[in-house]
């Protein structure tokens, strides 16, 4: 096995922001991101200090949502420049990572 350099990205939102579906569509259809997962939190808060949480008595939920995706660093850099109007830069976190990739048959020894 060998590794390939990628950049991981997390975008933090709340359900009430109504940005989730538009971001997924953008990342899938326009940016052709390699992989994406959405996580729904049970509790969280940001710089506003407002706690978003679930409780048994809640009728409508405004829970934290995290979009996590990855691709090669160059594609992520371009993608992030396109997301400036869709997500607050203060809610976007990136870090370098690597993925395991299988060698092609010709590369095997």
N, C-alpha and C. Protein backbone atom coordinates (compact mmCIF):
# COMPACT_ATOMS: atom_id res chain seq x y z
N UNK A 1 0.83 -1.19 0.00
CA UNK A 1 0.00 0.00 0.00
C UNK A 1 0.88 1.25 0.00
N UNK A 2 0.39 2.28 -0.65
CA UNK A 2 1.07 3.57 -0.60
C UNK A 2 0.06 4.62 -0.15
N UNK A 3 0.53 5.82 0.12
CA UNK A 3 -0.36 6.88 0.59
C UNK A 3 -0.42 8.01 -0.43
N UNK A 4 -1.50 8.77 -0.33
CA UNK A 4 -1.70 9.95 -1.18
C UNK A 4 -2.07 11.11 -0.27
N UNK A 5 -1.46 12.27 -0.50
CA UNK A 5 -1.76 13.45 0.30
C UNK A 5 -3.14 13.99 -0.04
N UNK A 6 -3.89 14.32 1.00
CA UNK A 6 -5.21 14.94 0.83
C UNK A 6 -5.34 16.07 1.85
N UNK A 7 -6.38 16.85 1.70
CA UNK A 7 -6.76 17.83 2.71
C UNK A 7 -8.15 17.50 3.18
N UNK A 8 -8.33 17.42 4.49
CA UNK A 8 -9.64 17.20 5.11
C UNK A 8 -10.25 18.56 5.43
N UNK A 9 -11.57 18.65 5.31
CA UNK A 9 -12.28 19.89 5.60
C UNK A 9 -13.51 19.56 6.44
N UNK A 10 -13.77 20.39 7.43
CA UNK A 10 -15.02 20.32 8.18
C UNK A 10 -15.68 21.69 8.14
N UNK A 11 -16.97 21.68 7.87
CA UNK A 11 -17.77 22.90 7.91
C UNK A 11 -18.83 22.70 8.99
N UNK A 12 -18.87 23.62 9.95
CA UNK A 12 -19.81 23.55 11.06
C UNK A 12 -21.00 24.46 10.79
N UNK A 13 -22.19 23.88 10.87
CA UNK A 13 -23.45 24.59 10.64
C UNK A 13 -24.45 24.23 11.73
N UNK A 14 -25.62 24.85 11.67
CA UNK A 14 -26.77 24.37 12.43
C UNK A 14 -27.88 24.08 11.43
N UNK A 15 -28.79 23.22 11.82
CA UNK A 15 -29.89 22.86 10.92
C UNK A 15 -30.70 24.07 10.47
N UNK A 16 -30.86 25.06 11.35
CA UNK A 16 -31.69 26.22 11.02
C UNK A 16 -31.08 27.10 9.93
N UNK A 17 -29.79 26.95 9.66
CA UNK A 17 -29.15 27.77 8.63
C UNK A 17 -29.60 27.41 7.22
N UNK A 18 -30.18 26.25 7.04
CA UNK A 18 -30.71 25.80 5.74
C UNK A 18 -29.68 25.86 4.61
N UNK A 19 -28.43 25.58 4.94
CA UNK A 19 -27.37 25.60 3.93
C UNK A 19 -26.92 24.19 3.54
N UNK A 20 -27.34 23.19 4.29
CA UNK A 20 -26.82 21.85 4.12
C UNK A 20 -27.02 21.30 2.72
N UNK A 21 -28.23 21.29 2.23
CA UNK A 21 -28.50 20.70 0.91
C UNK A 21 -27.79 21.45 -0.21
N UNK A 22 -27.75 22.77 -0.11
CA UNK A 22 -27.06 23.57 -1.13
C UNK A 22 -25.56 23.28 -1.14
N UNK A 23 -24.97 23.13 0.05
CA UNK A 23 -23.55 22.81 0.12
C UNK A 23 -23.25 21.41 -0.43
N UNK A 24 -24.08 20.44 -0.08
CA UNK A 24 -23.87 19.08 -0.60
C UNK A 24 -23.97 19.08 -2.12
N UNK A 25 -24.98 19.76 -2.66
CA UNK A 25 -25.15 19.83 -4.11
C UNK A 25 -23.93 20.48 -4.76
N UNK A 26 -23.47 21.57 -4.18
CA UNK A 26 -22.31 22.28 -4.72
C UNK A 26 -21.07 21.37 -4.72
N UNK A 27 -20.81 20.71 -3.59
CA UNK A 27 -19.63 19.87 -3.46
C UNK A 27 -19.69 18.64 -4.35
N UNK A 28 -20.88 18.10 -4.56
CA UNK A 28 -21.04 16.90 -5.39
C UNK A 28 -21.09 17.25 -6.88
N UNK A 29 -22.00 18.14 -7.24
CA UNK A 29 -22.28 18.40 -8.66
C UNK A 29 -21.28 19.35 -9.32
N UNK A 30 -20.82 20.36 -8.61
CA UNK A 30 -19.96 21.38 -9.22
C UNK A 30 -18.48 21.14 -8.92
N UNK A 31 -18.19 20.82 -7.67
CA UNK A 31 -16.79 20.70 -7.26
C UNK A 31 -16.25 19.28 -7.46
N UNK A 32 -17.13 18.29 -7.55
CA UNK A 32 -16.74 16.88 -7.74
C UNK A 32 -15.76 16.40 -6.67
N UNK A 33 -16.10 16.73 -5.42
CA UNK A 33 -15.28 16.33 -4.28
C UNK A 33 -15.25 14.81 -4.19
N UNK A 34 -14.14 14.29 -3.79
CA UNK A 34 -13.89 12.84 -3.76
C UNK A 34 -14.73 12.08 -2.74
N UNK A 35 -14.99 12.67 -1.58
CA UNK A 35 -15.77 12.00 -0.55
C UNK A 35 -16.35 13.00 0.41
N UNK A 36 -17.55 12.72 0.94
CA UNK A 36 -18.24 13.66 1.84
C UNK A 36 -19.12 12.87 2.79
N UNK A 37 -19.17 13.30 4.04
CA UNK A 37 -20.07 12.73 5.04
C UNK A 37 -20.66 13.87 5.84
N UNK A 38 -21.92 13.72 6.23
CA UNK A 38 -22.58 14.71 7.08
C UNK A 38 -22.85 14.05 8.44
N UNK A 39 -22.48 14.75 9.50
CA UNK A 39 -22.72 14.30 10.86
C UNK A 39 -23.73 15.23 11.51
N UNK A 40 -24.66 14.67 12.25
CA UNK A 40 -25.64 15.47 12.99
C UNK A 40 -25.30 15.33 14.47
N UNK A 41 -25.01 16.46 15.10
CA UNK A 41 -24.64 16.45 16.51
C UNK A 41 -25.84 16.40 17.43
N UNK A 42 -25.60 16.07 18.67
CA UNK A 42 -26.68 16.08 19.65
C UNK A 42 -26.61 17.32 20.52
N UNK A 43 -25.47 18.02 20.47
CA UNK A 43 -25.33 19.25 21.23
C UNK A 43 -24.11 20.00 20.72
N UNK A 44 -24.15 21.32 20.83
CA UNK A 44 -23.00 22.12 20.44
C UNK A 44 -23.26 23.60 20.59
N UNK A 45 -22.18 24.40 20.57
CA UNK A 45 -22.30 25.85 20.57
C UNK A 45 -21.11 26.43 19.85
N UNK A 46 -21.27 27.66 19.39
CA UNK A 46 -20.20 28.35 18.68
C UNK A 46 -19.91 29.68 19.34
N UNK A 47 -19.39 30.62 18.56
CA UNK A 47 -18.97 31.91 19.11
C UNK A 47 -20.13 32.73 19.66
N UNK A 48 -21.35 32.46 19.19
CA UNK A 48 -22.52 33.20 19.71
C UNK A 48 -22.85 32.79 21.14
N UNK A 49 -22.39 31.62 21.55
CA UNK A 49 -22.68 31.13 22.89
C UNK A 49 -24.02 30.43 23.00
N UNK A 50 -24.81 30.43 21.93
CA UNK A 50 -26.10 29.76 21.94
C UNK A 50 -25.87 28.26 21.91
N UNK A 51 -26.46 27.54 22.88
CA UNK A 51 -26.32 26.09 22.93
C UNK A 51 -27.44 25.47 22.10
N UNK A 52 -27.06 24.65 21.14
CA UNK A 52 -28.02 23.92 20.31
C UNK A 52 -27.99 22.48 20.83
N UNK A 53 -29.12 21.99 21.29
CA UNK A 53 -29.15 20.67 21.89
C UNK A 53 -30.48 20.00 21.62
N UNK A 54 -30.50 18.70 21.77
CA UNK A 54 -31.74 17.95 21.63
C UNK A 54 -32.20 17.52 23.01
N UNK A 55 -33.49 17.48 23.17
CA UNK A 55 -34.09 17.00 24.41
C UNK A 55 -35.38 16.29 24.02
N UNK A 56 -35.84 15.43 24.87
CA UNK A 56 -37.05 14.69 24.57
C UNK A 56 -38.26 15.59 24.34
N UNK A 57 -38.26 16.79 24.92
CA UNK A 57 -39.41 17.67 24.79
C UNK A 57 -39.36 18.56 23.55
N UNK A 58 -38.24 18.53 22.80
CA UNK A 58 -38.12 19.36 21.60
C UNK A 58 -39.11 18.94 20.53
N UNK A 59 -39.80 19.92 19.97
CA UNK A 59 -40.68 19.65 18.83
C UNK A 59 -39.97 19.95 17.52
N UNK A 60 -39.18 20.99 17.50
CA UNK A 60 -38.38 21.28 16.32
C UNK A 60 -36.93 21.33 16.75
N UNK A 61 -36.05 20.81 15.92
CA UNK A 61 -34.66 20.71 16.30
C UNK A 61 -33.81 21.70 15.51
N UNK A 62 -32.84 22.25 16.18
CA UNK A 62 -31.85 23.12 15.56
C UNK A 62 -30.49 22.62 16.01
N UNK A 63 -30.16 21.41 15.57
CA UNK A 63 -28.94 20.75 16.03
C UNK A 63 -27.73 21.12 15.19
N UNK A 64 -26.54 20.93 15.77
CA UNK A 64 -25.32 21.15 15.00
C UNK A 64 -25.20 20.12 13.88
N UNK A 65 -24.64 20.56 12.77
CA UNK A 65 -24.39 19.69 11.62
C UNK A 65 -22.95 19.94 11.18
N UNK A 66 -22.23 18.85 10.88
CA UNK A 66 -20.86 18.96 10.40
C UNK A 66 -20.79 18.28 9.04
N UNK A 67 -20.29 19.01 8.05
CA UNK A 67 -20.02 18.45 6.73
C UNK A 67 -18.51 18.19 6.70
N UNK A 68 -18.13 16.96 6.46
CA UNK A 68 -16.71 16.62 6.38
C UNK A 68 -16.43 16.06 5.00
N UNK A 69 -15.38 16.57 4.35
CA UNK A 69 -15.04 16.08 3.01
C UNK A 69 -13.54 16.16 2.80
N UNK A 70 -13.07 15.51 1.73
CA UNK A 70 -11.64 15.49 1.44
C UNK A 70 -11.41 15.37 -0.05
N UNK A 71 -10.22 15.78 -0.45
CA UNK A 71 -9.75 15.63 -1.82
C UNK A 71 -8.28 16.05 -1.84
N UNK A 72 -7.69 16.08 -3.03
CA UNK A 72 -6.31 16.52 -3.14
C UNK A 72 -6.23 17.99 -2.73
N UNK A 73 -5.10 18.43 -2.19
CA UNK A 73 -4.98 19.81 -1.70
C UNK A 73 -5.35 20.88 -2.72
N UNK A 74 -4.97 20.70 -3.98
CA UNK A 74 -5.26 21.72 -5.00
C UNK A 74 -6.77 21.87 -5.23
N UNK A 75 -7.49 20.77 -5.26
CA UNK A 75 -8.94 20.84 -5.45
C UNK A 75 -9.62 21.48 -4.25
N UNK A 76 -9.15 21.15 -3.05
CA UNK A 76 -9.73 21.74 -1.84
C UNK A 76 -9.50 23.24 -1.82
N UNK A 77 -8.32 23.67 -2.17
CA UNK A 77 -8.02 25.11 -2.19
C UNK A 77 -8.97 25.86 -3.13
N UNK A 78 -9.18 25.31 -4.32
CA UNK A 78 -10.12 25.91 -5.27
C UNK A 78 -11.54 25.88 -4.74
N UNK A 79 -11.94 24.76 -4.20
CA UNK A 79 -13.29 24.61 -3.67
C UNK A 79 -13.57 25.61 -2.55
N UNK A 80 -12.64 25.76 -1.64
CA UNK A 80 -12.84 26.69 -0.52
C UNK A 80 -13.01 28.13 -1.01
N UNK A 81 -12.33 28.49 -2.07
CA UNK A 81 -12.49 29.85 -2.61
C UNK A 81 -13.90 30.05 -3.18
N UNK A 82 -14.55 28.97 -3.59
CA UNK A 82 -15.92 29.04 -4.13
C UNK A 82 -16.98 29.02 -3.03
N UNK A 83 -16.62 28.64 -1.82
CA UNK A 83 -17.61 28.48 -0.74
C UNK A 83 -17.74 29.71 0.15
N UNK A 84 -17.01 30.77 -0.15
CA UNK A 84 -16.98 31.93 0.75
C UNK A 84 -18.35 32.52 1.02
N UNK A 85 -19.25 32.50 0.06
CA UNK A 85 -20.59 33.06 0.29
C UNK A 85 -21.57 32.03 0.85
N UNK A 86 -21.17 30.77 0.91
CA UNK A 86 -22.06 29.71 1.39
C UNK A 86 -21.79 29.31 2.84
N UNK A 87 -20.58 29.56 3.33
CA UNK A 87 -20.22 29.16 4.69
C UNK A 87 -19.31 30.21 5.30
N UNK A 88 -19.51 30.49 6.57
CA UNK A 88 -18.68 31.44 7.30
C UNK A 88 -17.27 30.87 7.43
N UNK A 89 -16.24 31.61 6.96
CA UNK A 89 -14.87 31.09 7.06
C UNK A 89 -14.48 30.70 8.49
N UNK A 90 -15.06 31.33 9.49
CA UNK A 90 -14.78 30.98 10.88
C UNK A 90 -15.35 29.63 11.29
N UNK A 91 -16.15 29.03 10.42
CA UNK A 91 -16.74 27.72 10.69
C UNK A 91 -16.17 26.63 9.79
N UNK A 92 -15.06 26.92 9.13
CA UNK A 92 -14.41 25.96 8.24
C UNK A 92 -13.04 25.63 8.81
N UNK A 93 -12.78 24.33 8.98
CA UNK A 93 -11.51 23.85 9.53
C UNK A 93 -10.88 22.92 8.50
N UNK A 94 -9.58 23.06 8.26
CA UNK A 94 -8.87 22.18 7.33
C UNK A 94 -7.62 21.63 7.99
N UNK A 95 -7.19 20.46 7.52
CA UNK A 95 -5.92 19.90 7.96
C UNK A 95 -5.42 18.91 6.92
N UNK A 96 -4.09 18.79 6.82
CA UNK A 96 -3.52 17.82 5.88
C UNK A 96 -3.68 16.40 6.44
N UNK A 97 -3.86 15.46 5.55
CA UNK A 97 -3.99 14.05 5.93
C UNK A 97 -3.49 13.20 4.77
N UNK A 98 -3.57 11.92 4.92
CA UNK A 98 -3.21 11.03 3.82
C UNK A 98 -4.18 9.86 3.82
N UNK A 99 -4.38 9.30 2.64
CA UNK A 99 -5.21 8.11 2.50
C UNK A 99 -4.35 6.98 1.95
N UNK A 100 -4.74 5.78 2.29
CA UNK A 100 -4.08 4.61 1.74
C UNK A 100 -4.67 4.33 0.37
N UNK A 101 -3.81 4.11 -0.60
CA UNK A 101 -4.26 3.76 -1.95
C UNK A 101 -3.59 2.46 -2.35
N UNK A 102 -4.30 1.66 -3.08
CA UNK A 102 -3.77 0.39 -3.52
C UNK A 102 -2.90 0.59 -4.74
N UNK A 103 -1.78 -0.09 -4.77
CA UNK A 103 -0.90 0.00 -5.93
C UNK A 103 -1.59 -0.65 -7.12
N UNK A 104 -1.32 -0.13 -8.28
CA UNK A 104 -1.82 -0.74 -9.51
C UNK A 104 -1.06 -2.03 -9.77
N UNK A 105 -1.64 -2.94 -10.54
CA UNK A 105 -1.04 -4.24 -10.80
C UNK A 105 0.39 -4.11 -11.35
N UNK A 106 0.63 -3.15 -12.20
CA UNK A 106 1.96 -2.98 -12.81
C UNK A 106 2.99 -2.57 -11.75
N UNK A 107 2.52 -1.93 -10.66
CA UNK A 107 3.43 -1.48 -9.62
C UNK A 107 3.78 -2.59 -8.61
N UNK A 108 3.04 -3.67 -8.61
CA UNK A 108 3.26 -4.74 -7.64
C UNK A 108 4.55 -5.49 -7.91
N UNK A 109 5.18 -5.90 -6.83
CA UNK A 109 6.43 -6.65 -7.00
C UNK A 109 6.33 -7.97 -6.30
